[in-house]
Amino acid sequence: MKNNKLTPSKIFELIHGLISKFNLKGMTKQLCKISNVSTSGFYRFLNTQTYINTKENKDLKSRMNRKKIQRIMRKYNIICPIRKSNPYKSKVA
């Protein structure tokens, strides 16, 4: 799989899907070796995914501020349709 188009995170998702679907808990190292990704990277991916999921659930239940709204908008590619004013255009008083 050296000339593949898959990113490591996609490969980690596939490995996690195989392990959970077919109950292959002892095969993690071999699956990572076959797909040319590191085992430590796979475990880091799993820990990061659980952290992101808990943060998302916490975000939905708590108060919102500007930074949190910007992060959510960036995640879902939401763009504000209101156009910003041009700072270089001269203003008529």
Protein backbone atom coordinates (compact mmCIF):
# COMPACT_ATOMS: atom_id res chain seq x y z
CA MET A 1 0.00 0.00 0.00
CA LYS A 2 2.92 2.39 -0.49
CA ASN A 3 1.41 4.19 -3.50
CA ASN A 4 -2.05 4.53 -1.99
CA LYS A 5 -4.18 7.65 -1.86
CA LEU A 6 -5.45 7.01 1.67
CA THR A 7 -4.37 9.22 4.55
CA PRO A 8 -3.20 7.54 7.76
CA SER A 9 -6.37 8.63 9.56
CA LYS A 10 -8.51 6.88 6.93
CA ILE A 11 -6.38 3.75 7.30
CA PHE A 12 -6.79 3.94 11.08
CA GLU A 13 -10.57 4.19 10.62
CA LEU A 14 -10.54 1.10 8.39
CA ILE A 15 -8.44 -0.86 10.89
CA HIS A 16 -10.73 0.19 13.74
CA GLY A 17 -13.76 -0.88 11.70
CA LEU A 18 -12.22 -4.30 10.98
CA ILE A 19 -11.29 -4.83 14.61
CA SER A 20 -14.73 -3.90 15.92
CA LYS A 21 -16.72 -5.71 13.21
CA PHE A 22 -14.86 -9.02 13.28
CA ASN A 23 -13.69 -8.89 16.93
CA LEU A 24 -9.96 -9.00 16.02
CA LYS A 25 -8.57 -7.46 19.23
CA GLY A 26 -5.27 -9.34 19.07
CA MET A 27 -4.60 -8.47 15.44
CA THR A 28 -3.94 -4.74 15.82
CA LYS A 29 -0.18 -4.96 15.37
CA GLN A 30 -0.46 -7.20 12.31
CA LEU A 31 -3.11 -5.04 10.64
CA CYS A 32 -0.98 -1.94 11.19
CA LYS A 33 2.08 -3.72 9.79
CA ILE A 34 0.19 -4.84 6.66
CA SER A 35 -1.06 -1.32 5.97
CA ASN A 36 2.33 0.35 6.68
CA VAL A 37 1.17 2.54 9.58
CA SER A 38 2.54 2.67 13.10
CA THR A 39 0.79 0.93 15.97
CA SER A 40 1.41 3.89 18.26
CA GLY A 41 -0.22 6.16 15.70
CA PHE A 42 -3.27 3.91 15.68
CA TYR A 43 -3.62 4.06 19.46
CA ARG A 44 -3.08 7.83 19.42
CA PHE A 45 -5.85 8.06 16.80
CA LEU A 46 -8.21 6.09 19.06
CA ASN A 47 -7.47 8.28 22.08
CA THR A 48 -7.88 11.45 20.04
CA GLN A 49 -11.22 10.27 18.64
CA THR A 50 -12.62 9.61 22.12
CA TYR A 51 -11.37 13.04 23.27
CA ILE A 52 -12.98 14.78 20.29
CA ASN A 53 -16.29 12.96 20.84
CA THR A 54 -16.41 13.90 24.53
CA LYS A 55 -15.52 17.51 23.68
CA GLU A 56 -18.31 17.67 21.07
CA ASN A 57 -20.88 16.34 23.53
CA LYS A 58 -19.70 18.82 26.15
CA ASP A 59 -19.86 21.67 23.63
CA LEU A 60 -23.48 20.99 22.81
CA LYS A 61 -24.51 21.12 26.48
CA SER A 62 -22.59 24.21 27.56
CA ARG A 63 -22.64 27.93 26.86
CA MET A 64 -21.39 29.19 23.54
CA ASN A 65 -18.79 31.87 22.97
CA ARG A 66 -17.29 33.29 19.79
CA LYS A 67 -14.34 30.88 19.64
CA LYS A 68 -16.50 27.81 20.13
CA ILE A 69 -18.91 28.94 17.43
CA GLN A 70 -15.98 29.60 15.06
CA ARG A 71 -14.58 26.11 15.73
CA ILE A 72 -17.96 24.49 15.01
CA MET A 73 -18.40 26.59 11.85
CA ARG A 74 -14.91 25.62 10.66
CA LYS A 75 -15.62 21.92 11.33
CA TYR A 76 -18.80 21.88 9.25
CA ASN A 77 -17.56 24.39 6.63
CA ILE A 78 -20.22 26.95 7.49
CA ILE A 79 -19.56 30.39 6.07
CA CYS A 80 -21.36 33.52 7.19
CA PRO A 81 -23.20 35.03 4.19
CA ILE A 82 -22.90 38.60 5.52
CA ARG A 83 -20.17 40.49 3.70
CA LYS A 84 -17.59 42.40 5.72
CA SER A 85 -17.07 46.06 4.93
CA ASN A 86 -14.02 47.08 2.94
CA PRO A 87 -11.59 48.86 5.30
CA TYR A 88 -9.76 50.53 2.38
CA LYS A 89 -12.85 52.16 0.90
CA SER A 90 -13.23 55.78 1.93
CA LYS A 91 -16.24 56.51 4.06
CA VAL A 92 -18.48 59.46 3.24
CA ALA A 93 -19.32 61.52 6.31
